[in-house]
Protein backbone atom coordinates (compact mmCIF):
# COMPACT_ATOMS: atom_id res chain seq x y z
CA MET A 1 -8.97 30.27 -36.40
CA LYS A 2 -9.56 27.30 -38.69
CA LEU A 3 -11.65 24.18 -38.19
CA TRP A 4 -10.02 20.86 -39.08
CA CYS A 5 -11.31 17.32 -39.37
CA ILE A 6 -8.53 15.12 -38.01
CA SER A 7 -8.50 11.36 -38.46
CA GLN A 8 -6.26 8.35 -38.01
CA THR A 9 -6.18 4.67 -38.94
CA ASP A 10 -2.99 3.78 -37.04
CA ASN A 11 -4.92 2.57 -33.99
CA ASP A 12 -8.34 1.30 -35.08
CA GLY A 13 -9.48 -1.30 -32.59
CA TYR A 14 -12.13 -1.06 -29.91
CA ASP A 15 -12.04 1.88 -27.51
CA THR A 16 -10.24 4.15 -29.96
CA PHE A 17 -10.96 7.49 -31.61
CA ASP A 18 -11.09 7.52 -35.41
CA SER A 19 -11.67 11.25 -35.94
CA ALA A 20 -12.46 14.63 -34.43
CA VAL A 21 -13.19 18.21 -35.41
CA VAL A 22 -10.77 20.67 -33.82
CA ALA A 23 -9.84 24.35 -33.92
CA ALA A 24 -6.23 25.19 -34.82
CA GLU A 25 -4.23 27.79 -36.73
CA THR A 26 -2.33 25.34 -38.95
CA GLU A 27 -2.56 21.77 -40.22
CA SER A 28 0.46 20.86 -38.11
CA ASP A 29 -1.18 22.30 -34.99
CA ALA A 30 -4.41 20.39 -35.74
CA ARG A 31 -2.54 17.10 -36.13
CA ALA A 32 -1.02 17.62 -32.65
CA ILE A 33 -4.41 17.78 -30.91
CA HIS A 34 -5.62 14.62 -29.18
CA PRO A 35 -9.41 14.06 -29.31
CA TYR A 36 -9.42 14.22 -25.48
CA GLY A 37 -8.46 17.88 -25.91
CA HIS A 38 -4.79 17.72 -25.03
CA VAL A 39 -2.32 19.53 -27.29
CA TYR A 40 1.00 17.77 -27.66
CA PRO A 41 3.96 20.11 -28.27
CA GLU A 42 6.32 19.05 -31.05
CA GLY A 43 8.70 16.35 -29.87
CA SER A 44 6.56 15.15 -26.95
CA TRP A 45 3.89 13.05 -28.68
CA SER A 46 2.67 10.29 -26.40
CA ALA A 47 0.28 7.38 -26.80
CA VAL A 48 -0.54 7.55 -23.09
CA TYR A 49 -4.18 6.63 -23.58
CA GLY A 50 -3.65 4.03 -26.32
CA CYS A 51 -6.76 5.24 -28.13
CA TRP A 52 -5.32 7.51 -30.83
CA ALA A 53 -2.47 7.53 -33.33
CA THR A 54 1.04 6.95 -32.00
CA SER A 55 2.45 10.01 -33.80
CA PRO A 56 1.14 13.24 -35.35
CA ASP A 57 2.60 11.90 -38.61
CA GLN A 58 -0.16 9.26 -38.49
CA VAL A 59 -2.91 11.92 -38.28
CA THR A 60 -4.59 13.39 -41.35
CA ALA A 61 -6.02 16.90 -41.15
CA LYS A 62 -8.48 18.44 -43.60
CA HIS A 63 -9.45 22.12 -43.42
CA ILE A 64 -13.25 22.35 -43.24
CA GLY A 65 -14.04 25.92 -42.20
CA GLU A 66 -13.44 28.93 -39.98
CA THR A 67 -14.38 29.51 -36.34
CA ASP A 68 -14.14 31.94 -33.43
CA LEU A 69 -13.21 29.08 -31.05
CA ASP A 70 -9.90 29.03 -29.22
CA ALA A 71 -7.02 26.96 -30.55
CA GLY A 72 -7.04 23.42 -29.19
CA THR A 73 -10.82 23.25 -28.83
CA VAL A 74 -12.30 19.86 -29.71
CA VAL A 75 -15.75 20.41 -31.22
CA CYS A 76 -16.69 16.74 -31.46
CA ALA A 77 -14.95 13.37 -31.62
CA SER A 78 -15.82 9.91 -32.88
CA PHE A 79 -15.02 7.15 -30.36
CA ASN A 80 -15.46 3.45 -31.12
CA ALA A 81 -16.42 1.91 -27.80
CA GLY A 82 -15.99 -1.83 -27.41
């Protein structure tokens, strides 16, 4: 399993996440993980919480390492509380 740093600038006001470190097999899988820990299957992206990007296309993922964690695990997340 790979570790990814995911980030977004689509939604950058107060009470939003700007980044997280997650475990996923692929870049596409990583970009579909919400910092709350939910994994959004392709075609069902939702901005239910209003605190993250509105689409996986708005999320950047950078491979940063390897891990034994399960896919979808959020290691840490950066939240900008207002």
